[in-house]
């Protein structure tokens, strides 16, 4: 199993592990952006998150959630489920403008 990308360690695209490269390595993992996207509105249980992600494989979801927890972007609350941490919410503040840009890009003709 691949390890969670960390700034300062070798990651895809960077032997030195520049922070931006570590982030892009993490965000480039299959389904990872979808998971944080689905958590943008609030906590979800594992089952609800899996359904929101189109019934993705539970093994893949577990792996992505572990990576997100290791990266301090997602936390698990025993009662509410998985939720974005303050750092995860800050990341979403930067991702949402990309969503708007993608919508404009898709309408370009």
PDB file of N, CA and C in Angstrom:
ATOM      1  N   UNK A   1       0.846  -1.185   0.000  1.00  0.00           N
ATOM      2  CA  UNK A   1       0.000   0.000   0.000  1.00  0.00           C
ATOM      3  C   UNK A   1       0.886   1.240   0.000  1.00  0.00           C
ATOM      4  N   UNK A   2       0.525   2.222  -0.802  1.00  0.00           N
ATOM      5  CA  UNK A   2       1.288   3.465  -0.883  1.00  0.00           C
ATOM      6  C   UNK A   2       1.142   4.245   0.421  1.00  0.00           C
ATOM      7  N   UNK A   3       2.194   4.936   0.782  1.00  0.00           N
ATOM      8  CA  UNK A   3       2.145   5.736   2.006  1.00  0.00           C
ATOM      9  C   UNK A   3       1.499   7.088   1.721  1.00  0.00           C
ATOM     10  N   UNK A   4       1.016   7.718   2.748  1.00  0.00           N
ATOM     11  CA  UNK A   4       0.406   9.036   2.614  1.00  0.00           C
ATOM     12  C   UNK A   4       1.498  10.056   2.299  1.00  0.00           C
ATOM     13  N   UNK A   5       1.315  10.858   1.259  1.00  0.00           N
ATOM     14  CA  UNK A   5       2.324  11.867   0.916  1.00  0.00           C
ATOM     15  C   UNK A   5       2.522  12.866   2.049  1.00  0.00           C
ATOM     16  N   UNK A   6       3.773  13.203   2.301  1.00  0.00           N
ATOM     17  CA  UNK A   6       4.115  14.172   3.340  1.00  0.00           C
ATOM     18  C   UNK A   6       5.112  15.163   2.776  1.00  0.00           C
ATOM     19  N   UNK A   7       4.913  16.434   3.082  1.00  0.00           N
ATOM     20  CA  UNK A   7       5.883  17.452   2.678  1.00  0.00           C
ATOM     21  C   UNK A   7       7.232  17.110   3.293  1.00  0.00           C
ATOM     22  N   UNK A   8       8.280  17.272   2.494  1.00  0.00           N
ATOM     23  CA  UNK A   8       9.623  16.982   2.970  1.00  0.00           C
ATOM     24  C   UNK A   8      10.092  15.572   2.670  1.00  0.00           C
ATOM     25  N   UNK A   9       9.184  14.725   2.212  1.00  0.00           N
ATOM     26  CA  UNK A   9       9.529  13.357   1.818  1.00  0.00           C
ATOM     27  C   UNK A   9       9.312  13.217   0.323  1.00  0.00           C
ATOM     28  N   UNK A  10      10.031  12.306  -0.279  1.00  0.00           N
ATOM     29  CA  UNK A  10       9.882  12.076  -1.715  1.00  0.00           C
ATOM     30  C   UNK A  10       8.431  11.708  -2.039  1.00  0.00           C
ATOM     31  N   UNK A  11       7.870  12.386  -3.042  1.00  0.00           N
ATOM     32  CA  UNK A  11       6.497  12.135  -3.496  1.00  0.00           C
ATOM     33  C   UNK A  11       6.508  12.097  -5.015  1.00  0.00           C
ATOM     34  N   UNK A  12       5.388  11.703  -5.612  1.00  0.00           N
ATOM     35  CA  UNK A  12       5.312  11.729  -7.075  1.00  0.00           C
ATOM     36  C   UNK A  12       5.615  13.134  -7.576  1.00  0.00           C
ATOM     37  N   UNK A  13       6.569  13.235  -8.469  1.00  0.00           N
ATOM     38  CA  UNK A  13       6.900  14.513  -9.077  1.00  0.00           C
ATOM     39  C   UNK A  13       7.935  15.333  -8.338  1.00  0.00           C
ATOM     40  N   UNK A  14       8.388  14.871  -7.163  1.00  0.00           N
ATOM     41  CA  UNK A  14       9.363  15.654  -6.401  1.00  0.00           C
ATOM     42  C   UNK A  14      10.140  14.765  -5.436  1.00  0.00           C
ATOM     43  N   UNK A  15      11.428  14.696  -5.648  1.00  0.00           N
ATOM     44  CA  UNK A  15      12.262  13.926  -4.711  1.00  0.00           C
ATOM     45  C   UNK A  15      12.389  14.628  -3.370  1.00  0.00           C
ATOM     46  N   UNK A  16      12.280  15.963  -3.393  1.00  0.00           N
ATOM     47  CA  UNK A  16      12.450  16.731  -2.157  1.00  0.00           C
ATOM     48  C   UNK A  16      11.156  16.849  -1.363  1.00  0.00           C
ATOM     49  N   UNK A  17      10.033  16.545  -1.982  1.00  0.00           N
ATOM     50  CA  UNK A  17       8.750  16.623  -1.279  1.00  0.00           C
ATOM     51  C   UNK A  17       8.302  18.033  -0.996  1.00  0.00           C
ATOM     52  N   UNK A  18       8.462  18.898  -1.984  1.00  0.00           N
ATOM     53  CA  UNK A  18       7.953  20.251  -1.803  1.00  0.00           C
ATOM     54  C   UNK A  18       6.489  20.171  -1.393  1.00  0.00           C
ATOM     55  N   UNK A  19       6.045  21.062  -0.507  1.00  0.00           N
ATOM     56  CA  UNK A  19       4.669  20.976  -0.014  1.00  0.00           C
ATOM     57  C   UNK A  19       3.613  20.920  -1.113  1.00  0.00           C
ATOM     58  N   UNK A  20       3.747  21.739  -2.153  1.00  0.00           N
ATOM     59  CA  UNK A  20       2.735  21.718  -3.221  1.00  0.00           C
ATOM     60  C   UNK A  20       2.728  20.372  -3.927  1.00  0.00           C
ATOM     61  N   UNK A  21       3.898  19.773  -4.109  1.00  0.00           N
ATOM     62  CA  UNK A  21       3.967  18.480  -4.788  1.00  0.00           C
ATOM     63  C   UNK A  21       3.368  17.378  -3.912  1.00  0.00           C
ATOM     64  N   UNK A  22       3.600  17.449  -2.605  1.00  0.00           N
ATOM     65  CA  UNK A  22       2.999  16.474  -1.699  1.00  0.00           C
ATOM     66  C   UNK A  22       1.474  16.597  -1.728  1.00  0.00           C
ATOM     67  N   UNK A  23       0.975  17.844  -1.748  1.00  0.00           N
ATOM     68  CA  UNK A  23      -0.478  18.059  -1.816  1.00  0.00           C
ATOM     69  C   UNK A  23      -1.041  17.537  -3.128  1.00  0.00           C
ATOM     70  N   UNK A  24      -0.381  17.848  -4.246  1.00  0.00           N
ATOM     71  CA  UNK A  24      -0.875  17.367  -5.540  1.00  0.00           C
ATOM     72  C   UNK A  24      -0.830  15.844  -5.620  1.00  0.00           C
ATOM     73  N   UNK A  25       0.178  15.223  -5.031  1.00  0.00           N
ATOM     74  CA  UNK A  25       0.240  13.763  -4.987  1.00  0.00           C
ATOM     75  C   UNK A  25      -0.968  13.227  -4.222  1.00  0.00           C
ATOM     76  N   UNK A  26      -1.242  13.812  -3.060  1.00  0.00           N
ATOM     77  CA  UNK A  26      -2.385  13.374  -2.254  1.00  0.00           C
ATOM     78  C   UNK A  26      -3.699  13.579  -3.000  1.00  0.00           C
ATOM     79  N   UNK A  27      -3.924  14.790  -3.515  1.00  0.00           N
ATOM     80  CA  UNK A  27      -5.188  15.103  -4.179  1.00  0.00           C
ATOM     81  C   UNK A  27      -5.374  14.344  -5.482  1.00  0.00           C
ATOM     82  N   UNK A  28      -4.280  13.882  -6.067  1.00  0.00           N
ATOM     83  CA  UNK A  28      -4.355  13.142  -7.318  1.00  0.00           C
ATOM     84  C   UNK A  28      -4.711  11.678  -7.155  1.00  0.00           C
ATOM     85  N   UNK A  29      -4.859  11.230  -5.940  1.00  0.00           N
ATOM     86  CA  UNK A  29      -5.220   9.832  -5.719  1.00  0.00           C
ATOM     87  C   UNK A  29      -6.688   9.607  -6.058  1.00  0.00           C
ATOM     88  N   UNK A  30      -6.916   8.468  -6.676  1.00  0.00           N
ATOM     89  CA  UNK A  30      -8.262   8.114  -7.132  1.00  0.00           C
ATOM     90  C   UNK A  30      -9.273   8.255  -6.002  1.00  0.00           C
ATOM     91  N   UNK A  31     -10.357   8.953  -6.259  1.00  0.00           N
ATOM     92  CA  UNK A  31     -11.500   9.171  -5.379  1.00  0.00           C
ATOM     93  C   UNK A  31     -11.252  10.169  -4.253  1.00  0.00           C
ATOM     94  N   UNK A  32     -10.021  10.603  -4.026  1.00  0.00           N
ATOM     95  CA  UNK A  32      -9.764  11.436  -2.854  1.00  0.00           C
ATOM     96  C   UNK A  32     -10.501  12.773  -2.923  1.00  0.00           C
ATOM     97  N   UNK A  33     -10.438  13.446  -4.059  1.00  0.00           N
ATOM     98  CA  UNK A  33     -11.158  14.711  -4.182  1.00  0.00           C
ATOM     99  C   UNK A  33     -12.662  14.522  -4.030  1.00  0.00           C
ATOM    100  N   UNK A  34     -13.159  13.424  -4.541  1.00  0.00           N
ATOM    101  CA  UNK A  34     -14.601  13.159  -4.409  1.00  0.00           C
ATOM    102  C   UNK A  34     -14.991  13.030  -2.947  1.00  0.00           C
ATOM    103  N   UNK A  35     -14.152  12.369  -2.155  1.00  0.00           N
ATOM    104  CA  UNK A  35     -14.449  12.204  -0.728  1.00  0.00           C
ATOM    105  C   UNK A  35     -14.514  13.557  -0.038  1.00  0.00           C
ATOM    106  N   UNK A  36     -13.502  14.408  -0.249  1.00  0.00           N
ATOM    107  CA  UNK A  36     -13.558  15.701   0.438  1.00  0.00           C
ATOM    108  C   UNK A  36     -14.686  16.575  -0.110  1.00  0.00           C
ATOM    109  N   UNK A  37     -14.993  16.425  -1.395  1.00  0.00           N
ATOM    110  CA  UNK A  37     -16.107  17.171  -1.978  1.00  0.00           C
ATOM    111  C   UNK A  37     -17.420  16.797  -1.286  1.00  0.00           C
ATOM    112  N   UNK A  38     -17.642  15.530  -1.067  1.00  0.00           N
ATOM    113  CA  UNK A  38     -18.890  15.083  -0.434  1.00  0.00           C
ATOM    114  C   UNK A  38     -18.973  15.491   1.031  1.00  0.00           C
ATOM    115  N   UNK A  39     -17.840  15.743   1.669  1.00  0.00           N
ATOM    116  CA  UNK A  39     -17.839  16.162   3.074  1.00  0.00           C
ATOM    117  C   UNK A  39     -17.939  17.680   3.239  1.00  0.00           C
ATOM    118  N   UNK A  40     -17.992  18.415   2.139  1.00  0.00           N
ATOM    119  CA  UNK A  40     -17.975  19.874   2.196  1.00  0.00           C
ATOM    120  C   UNK A  40     -19.171  20.449   2.952  1.00  0.00           C
ATOM    121  N   UNK A  41     -20.307  19.762   2.944  1.00  0.00           N
ATOM    122  CA  UNK A  41     -21.518  20.291   3.584  1.00  0.00           C
ATOM    123  C   UNK A  41     -21.703  19.818   5.011  1.00  0.00           C
ATOM    124  N   UNK A  42     -20.866  18.903   5.458  1.00  0.00           N
ATOM    125  CA  UNK A  42     -20.981  18.433   6.833  1.00  0.00           C
ATOM    126  C   UNK A  42     -20.632  16.964   6.965  1.00  0.00           C
ATOM    127  N   UNK A  43     -20.635  16.475   8.201  1.00  0.00           N
ATOM    128  CA  UNK A  43     -20.220  15.098   8.479  1.00  0.00           C
ATOM    129  C   UNK A  43     -21.133  14.065   7.821  1.00  0.00           C
ATOM    130  N   UNK A  44     -20.529  12.931   7.494  1.00  0.00           N
ATOM    131  CA  UNK A  44     -21.270  11.791   6.952  1.00  0.00           C
ATOM    132  C   UNK A  44     -20.737  10.514   7.582  1.00  0.00           C
ATOM    133  N   UNK A  45     -21.637   9.573   7.819  1.00  0.00           N
ATOM    134  CA  UNK A  45     -21.200   8.256   8.275  1.00  0.00           C
ATOM    135  C   UNK A  45     -20.486   7.549   7.118  1.00  0.00           C
ATOM    136  N   UNK A  46     -19.791   6.486   7.429  1.00  0.00           N
ATOM    137  CA  UNK A  46     -19.089   5.732   6.385  1.00  0.00           C
ATOM    138  C   UNK A  46     -20.066   5.304   5.306  1.00  0.00           C
ATOM    139  N   UNK A  47     -21.197   4.761   5.703  1.00  0.00           N
ATOM    140  CA  UNK A  47     -22.191   4.278   4.734  1.00  0.00           C
ATOM    141  C   UNK A  47     -22.730   5.419   3.869  1.00  0.00           C
ATOM    142  N   UNK A  48     -23.081   6.539   4.512  1.00  0.00           N
ATOM    143  CA  UNK A  48     -23.610   7.680   3.760  1.00  0.00           C
ATOM    144  C   UNK A  48     -22.554   8.261   2.819  1.00  0.00           C
ATOM    145  N   UNK A  49     -21.308   8.293   3.273  1.00  0.00           N
ATOM    146  CA  UNK A  49     -20.232   8.797   2.429  1.00  0.00           C
ATOM    147  C   UNK A  49     -20.008   7.867   1.242  1.00  0.00           C
ATOM    148  N   UNK A  50     -20.035   6.588   1.496  1.00  0.00           N
ATOM    149  CA  UNK A  50     -19.866   5.618   0.405  1.00  0.00           C
ATOM    150  C   UNK A  50     -20.979   5.772  -0.631  1.00  0.00           C
ATOM    151  N   UNK A  51     -22.219   5.933  -0.181  1.00  0.00           N
ATOM    152  CA  UNK A  51     -23.342   6.131  -1.101  1.00  0.00           C
ATOM    153  C   UNK A  51     -23.193   7.440  -1.871  1.00  0.00           C
ATOM    154  N   UNK A  52     -22.770   8.506  -1.179  1.00  0.00           N
ATOM    155  CA  UNK A  52     -22.594   9.795  -1.838  1.00  0.00           C
ATOM    156  C   UNK A  52     -21.514   9.730  -2.920  1.00  0.00           C
ATOM    157  N   UNK A  53     -20.578   8.822  -2.732  1.00  0.00           N
ATOM    158  CA  UNK A  53     -19.488   8.641  -3.702  1.00  0.00           C
ATOM    159  C   UNK A  53     -19.827   7.567  -4.731  1.00  0.00           C
ATOM    160  N   UNK A  54     -21.095   7.288  -4.933  1.00  0.00           N
ATOM    161  CA  UNK A  54     -21.501   6.333  -5.958  1.00  0.00           C
ATOM    162  C   UNK A  54     -21.193   4.886  -5.609  1.00  0.00           C
ATOM    163  N   UNK A  55     -21.317   4.552  -4.337  1.00  0.00           N
ATOM    164  CA  UNK A  55     -21.047   3.184  -3.868  1.00  0.00           C
ATOM    165  C   UNK A  55     -19.645   2.711  -4.231  1.00  0.00           C
ATOM    166  N   UNK A  56     -18.671   3.576  -4.014  1.00  0.00           N
ATOM    167  CA  UNK A  56     -17.279   3.194  -4.252  1.00  0.00           C
ATOM    168  C   UNK A  56     -16.903   2.018  -3.358  1.00  0.00           C
ATOM    169  N   UNK A  57     -15.864   1.340  -3.715  1.00  0.00           N
ATOM    170  CA  UNK A  57     -15.383   0.186  -2.961  1.00  0.00           C
ATOM    171  C   UNK A  57     -15.101   0.585  -1.513  1.00  0.00           C
ATOM    172  N   UNK A  58     -15.572  -0.199  -0.539  1.00  0.00           N
ATOM    173  CA  UNK A  58     -15.292   0.131   0.855  1.00  0.00           C
ATOM    174  C   UNK A  58     -13.795   0.084   1.171  1.00  0.00           C
ATOM    175  N   UNK A  59     -13.057  -0.762   0.480  1.00  0.00           N
ATOM    176  CA  UNK A  59     -11.611  -0.836   0.697  1.00  0.00           C
ATOM    177  C   UNK A  59     -10.945   0.465   0.262  1.00  0.00           C
ATOM    178  N   UNK A  60     -11.324   0.966  -0.913  1.00  0.00           N
ATOM    179  CA  UNK A  60     -10.754   2.223  -1.405  1.00  0.00           C
ATOM    180  C   UNK A  60     -11.164   3.371  -0.487  1.00  0.00           C
ATOM    181  N   UNK A  61     -12.420   3.403  -0.072  1.00  0.00           N
ATOM    182  CA  UNK A  61     -12.875   4.473   0.814  1.00  0.00           C
ATOM    183  C   UNK A  61     -12.095   4.443   2.123  1.00  0.00           C
ATOM    184  N   UNK A  62     -11.909   3.280   2.698  1.00  0.00           N
ATOM    185  CA  UNK A  62     -11.125   3.172   3.933  1.00  0.00           C
ATOM    186  C   UNK A  62      -9.710   3.693   3.734  1.00  0.00           C
ATOM    187  N   UNK A  63      -9.102   3.348   2.607  1.00  0.00           N
ATOM    188  CA  UNK A  63      -7.743   3.805   2.317  1.00  0.00           C
ATOM    189  C   UNK A  63      -7.701   5.326   2.203  1.00  0.00           C
ATOM    190  N   UNK A  64      -8.644   5.901   1.457  1.00  0.00           N
ATOM    191  CA  UNK A  64      -8.666   7.353   1.279  1.00  0.00           C
ATOM    192  C   UNK A  64      -8.935   8.068   2.602  1.00  0.00           C
ATOM    193  N   UNK A  65      -9.839   7.533   3.401  1.00  0.00           N
ATOM    194  CA  UNK A  65     -10.124   8.149   4.696  1.00  0.00           C
ATOM    195  C   UNK A  65      -8.900   8.092   5.605  1.00  0.00           C
ATOM    196  N   UNK A  66      -8.151   7.013   5.562  1.00  0.00           N
ATOM    197  CA  UNK A  66      -6.923   6.917   6.359  1.00  0.00           C
ATOM    198  C   UNK A  66      -5.926   7.971   5.903  1.00  0.00           C
ATOM    199  N   UNK A  67      -5.758   8.118   4.595  1.00  0.00           N
ATOM    200  CA  UNK A  67      -4.832   9.133   4.069  1.00  0.00           C
ATOM    201  C   UNK A  67      -5.270  10.535   4.473  1.00  0.00           C
ATOM    202  N   UNK A  68      -6.562  10.797   4.402  1.00  0.00           N
ATOM    203  CA  UNK A  68      -7.080  12.109   4.770  1.00  0.00           C
ATOM    204  C   UNK A  68      -6.938  12.370   6.267  1.00  0.00           C
ATOM    205  N   UNK A  69      -7.136  11.346   7.067  1.00  0.00           N
ATOM    206  CA  UNK A  69      -6.947  11.494   8.515  1.00  0.00           C
ATOM    207  C   UNK A  69      -5.470  11.693   8.839  1.00  0.00           C
ATOM    208  N   UNK A  70      -4.593  10.922   8.186  1.00  0.00           N
ATOM    209  CA  UNK A  70      -3.149  11.078   8.388  1.00  0.00           C
ATOM    210  C   UNK A  70      -2.674  12.472   7.995  1.00  0.00           C
ATOM    211  N   UNK A  71      -3.360  13.085   7.058  1.00  0.00           N
ATOM    212  CA  UNK A  71      -3.004  14.420   6.563  1.00  0.00           C
ATOM    213  C   UNK A  71      -3.706  15.537   7.327  1.00  0.00           C
ATOM    214  N   UNK A  72      -4.489  15.184   8.336  1.00  0.00           N
ATOM    215  CA  UNK A  72      -5.231  16.141   9.155  1.00  0.00           C
ATOM    216  C   UNK A  72      -6.239  16.951   8.348  1.00  0.00           C
ATOM    217  N   UNK A  73      -6.830  16.313   7.330  1.00  0.00           N
ATOM    218  CA  UNK A  73      -7.868  16.975   6.539  1.00  0.00           C
ATOM    219  C   UNK A  73      -9.258  16.482   6.907  1.00  0.00           C
ATOM    220  N   UNK A  74      -9.329  15.284   7.476  1.00  0.00           N
ATOM    221  CA  UNK A  74     -10.609  14.678   7.874  1.00  0.00           C
ATOM    222  C   UNK A  74     -10.443  14.102   9.270  1.00  0.00           C
ATOM    223  N   UNK A  75     -11.511  14.160  10.016  1.00  0.00           N
ATOM    224  CA  UNK A  75     -11.538  13.578  11.350  1.00  0.00           C
ATOM    225  C   UNK A  75     -12.740  12.644  11.450  1.00  0.00           C
ATOM    226  N   UNK A  76     -12.716  11.776  12.445  1.00  0.00           N
ATOM    227  CA  UNK A  76     -13.839  10.859  12.686  1.00  0.00           C
ATOM    228  C   UNK A  76     -14.409  11.134  14.052  1.00  0.00           C
ATOM    229  N   UNK A  77     -15.694  11.427  14.083  1.00  0.00           N
ATOM    230  CA  UNK A  77     -16.436  11.603  15.329  1.00  0.00           C
ATOM    231  C   UNK A  77     -17.323  10.378  15.487  1.00  0.00           C
ATOM    232  N   UNK A  78     -17.269   9.735  16.622  1.00  0.00           N
ATOM    233  CA  UNK A  78     -18.009   8.491  16.847  1.00  0.00           C
ATOM    234  C   UNK A  78     -19.512   8.652  16.609  1.00  0.00           C
ATOM    235  N   UNK A  79     -20.058   9.828  16.877  1.00  0.00           N
ATOM    236  CA  UNK A  79     -21.495  10.029  16.718  1.00  0.00           C
ATOM    237  C   UNK A  79     -21.883  10.572  15.341  1.00  0.00           C
ATOM    238  N   UNK A  80     -21.102  11.518  14.812  1.00  0.00           N
ATOM    239  CA  UNK A  80     -21.489  12.179  13.562  1.00  0.00           C
ATOM    240  C   UNK A  80     -20.875  11.554  12.320  1.00  0.00           C
ATOM    241  N   UNK A  81     -19.747  10.891  12.453  1.00  0.00           N
ATOM    242  CA  UNK A  81     -19.087  10.297  11.303  1.00  0.00           C
ATOM    243  C   UNK A  81     -17.864  11.094  10.882  1.00  0.00           C
ATOM    244  N   UNK A  82     -17.562  11.045   9.603  1.00  0.00           N
ATOM    245  CA  UNK A  82     -16.378  11.706   9.060  1.00  0.00           C
ATOM    246  C   UNK A  82     -16.710  13.151   8.721  1.00  0.00           C
ATOM    247  N   UNK A  83     -15.751  14.034   9.011  1.00  0.00           N
ATOM    248  CA  UNK A  83     -15.956  15.464   8.751  1.00  0.00           C
ATOM    249  C   UNK A  83     -14.621  16.100   8.393  1.00  0.00           C
ATOM    250  N   UNK A  84     -14.686  17.192   7.670  1.00  0.00           N
ATOM    251  CA  UNK A  84     -13.487  17.958   7.376  1.00  0.00           C
ATOM    252  C   UNK A  84     -12.997  18.634   8.652  1.00  0.00           C
ATOM    253  N   UNK A  85     -11.702  18.652   8.843  1.00  0.00           N
ATOM    254  CA  UNK A  85     -11.090  19.396   9.934  1.00  0.00           C
ATOM    255  C   UNK A  85     -11.046  20.869   9.529  1.00  0.00           C
ATOM    256  N   UNK A  86     -10.640  21.757  10.425  1.00  0.00           N
ATOM    257  CA  UNK A  86     -10.466  23.154  10.000  1.00  0.00           C
ATOM    258  C   UNK A  86      -9.508  23.274   8.800  1.00  0.00           C
ATOM    259  N   UNK A  87      -8.456  22.477   8.777  1.00  0.00           N
ATOM    260  CA  UNK A  87      -7.525  22.494   7.646  1.00  0.00           C
ATOM    261  C   UNK A  87      -8.205  21.979   6.381  1.00  0.00           C
ATOM    262  N   UNK A  88      -9.044  20.959   6.517  1.00  0.00           N
ATOM    263  CA  UNK A  88      -9.791  20.425   5.381  1.00  0.00           C
ATOM    264  C   UNK A  88     -10.794  21.434   4.842  1.00  0.00           C
ATOM    265  N   UNK A  89     -11.454  22.167   5.749  1.00  0.00           N
ATOM    266  CA  UNK A  89     -12.398  23.208   5.313  1.00  0.00           C
ATOM    267  C   UNK A  89     -11.647  24.340   4.603  1.00  0.00           C
ATOM    268  N   UNK A  90     -10.457  24.670   5.101  1.00  0.00           N
ATOM    269  CA  UNK A  90      -9.653  25.696   4.437  1.00  0.00           C
ATOM    270  C   UNK A  90      -9.268  25.241   3.028  1.00  0.00           C
ATOM    271  N   UNK A  91      -8.908  23.971   2.879  1.00  0.00           N
ATOM    272  CA  UNK A  91      -8.603  23.436   1.552  1.00  0.00           C
ATOM    273  C   UNK A  91      -9.815  23.579   0.638  1.00  0.00           C
ATOM    274  N   UNK A  92     -11.011  23.270   1.143  1.00  0.00           N
ATOM    275  CA  UNK A  92     -12.217  23.384   0.322  1.00  0.00           C
ATOM    276  C   UNK A  92     -12.457  24.829  -0.114  1.00  0.00           C
ATOM    277  N   UNK A  93     -12.077  25.803   0.704  1.00  0.00           N
ATOM    278  CA  UNK A  93     -12.210  27.211   0.308  1.00  0.00           C
ATOM    279  C   UNK A  93     -11.387  27.499  -0.945  1.00  0.00           C
ATOM    280  N   UNK A  94     -10.317  26.741  -1.130  1.00  0.00           N
ATOM    281  CA  UNK A  94      -9.470  26.925  -2.308  1.00  0.00           C
ATOM    282  C   UNK A  94      -9.938  26.065  -3.478  1.00  0.00           C
ATOM    283  N   UNK A  95     -10.626  24.973  -3.199  1.00  0.00           N
ATOM    284  CA  UNK A  95     -11.119  24.071  -4.252  1.00  0.00           C
ATOM    285  C   UNK A  95     -12.401  24.626  -4.879  1.00  0.00           C
ATOM    286  N   UNK A  96     -13.244  25.256  -4.087  1.00  0.00           N
ATOM    287  CA  UNK A  96     -14.525  25.754  -4.611  1.00  0.00           C
ATOM    288  C   UNK A  96     -14.363  26.721  -5.780  1.00  0.00           C
ATOM    289  N   UNK A  97     -13.398  27.628  -5.783  1.00  0.00           N
ATOM    290  CA  UNK A  97     -13.215  28.462  -6.984  1.00  0.00           C
ATOM    291  C   UNK A  97     -12.860  27.630  -8.218  1.00  0.00           C
ATOM    292  N   UNK A  98     -12.187  26.509  -8.048  1.00  0.00           N
ATOM    293  CA  UNK A  98     -11.908  25.625  -9.185  1.00  0.00           C
ATOM    294  C   UNK A  98     -13.204  25.039  -9.735  1.00  0.00           C
ATOM    295  N   UNK A  99     -14.142  24.757  -8.862  1.00  0.00           N
ATOM    296  CA  UNK A  99     -15.444  24.263  -9.292  1.00  0.00           C
ATOM    297  C   UNK A  99     -16.118  25.305 -10.180  1.00  0.00           C
ATOM    298  N   UNK A 100     -16.119  26.552  -9.719  1.00  0.00           N
ATOM    299  CA  UNK A 100     -16.725  27.632 -10.514  1.00  0.00           C
ATOM    300  C   UNK A 100     -16.019  27.776 -11.858  1.00  0.00           C
ATOM    301  N   UNK A 101     -14.686  27.744 -11.844  1.00  0.00           N
ATOM    302  CA  UNK A 101     -13.920  27.841 -13.081  1.00  0.00           C
ATOM    303  C   UNK A 101     -14.267  26.693 -14.017  1.00  0.00           C
ATOM    304  N   UNK A 102     -14.369  25.480 -13.490  1.00  0.00           N
ATOM    305  CA  UNK A 102     -14.679  24.308 -14.314  1.00  0.00           C
ATOM    306  C   UNK A 102     -16.055  24.443 -14.948  1.00  0.00           C
ATOM    307  N   UNK A 103     -17.013  25.010 -14.237  1.00  0.00           N
ATOM    308  CA  UNK A 103     -18.344  25.234 -14.794  1.00  0.00           C
ATOM    309  C   UNK A 103     -18.269  26.186 -15.995  1.00  0.00           C
ATOM    310  N   UNK A 104     -17.513  27.273 -15.843  1.00  0.00           N
ATOM    311  CA  UNK A 104     -17.345  28.218 -16.958  1.00  0.00           C
ATOM    312  C   UNK A 104     -16.614  27.551 -18.118  1.00  0.00           C
ATOM    313  N   UNK A 105     -15.611  26.782 -17.824  1.00  0.00           N
ATOM    314  CA  UNK A 105     -14.827  26.074 -18.840  1.00  0.00           C
ATOM    315  C   UNK A 105     -15.716  25.107 -19.624  1.00  0.00           C
ATOM    316  N   UNK A 106     -16.602  24.407 -18.904  1.00  0.00           N
ATOM    317  CA  UNK A 106     -17.484  23.435 -19.552  1.00  0.00           C
ATOM    318  C   UNK A 106     -18.486  24.123 -20.495  1.00  0.00           C
ATOM    319  N   UNK A 107     -18.847  25.366 -20.219  1.00  0.00           N
ATOM    320  CA  UNK A 107     -19.815  26.092 -21.046  1.00  0.00           C
ATOM    321  C   UNK A 107     -19.176  26.830 -22.214  1.00  0.00           C
ATOM    322  N   UNK A 108     -17.901  26.726 -22.379  1.00  0.00           N
ATOM    323  CA  UNK A 108     -17.185  27.547 -23.354  1.00  0.00           C
ATOM    324  C   UNK A 108     -17.559  27.233 -24.806  1.00  0.00           C
ATOM    325  N   UNK A 109     -18.266  26.179 -25.036  1.00  0.00           N
ATOM    326  CA  UNK A 109     -18.715  25.983 -26.399  1.00  0.00           C
ATOM    327  C   UNK A 109     -18.290  24.709 -26.943  1.00  0.00           C
TER     328      UNK A 109
END
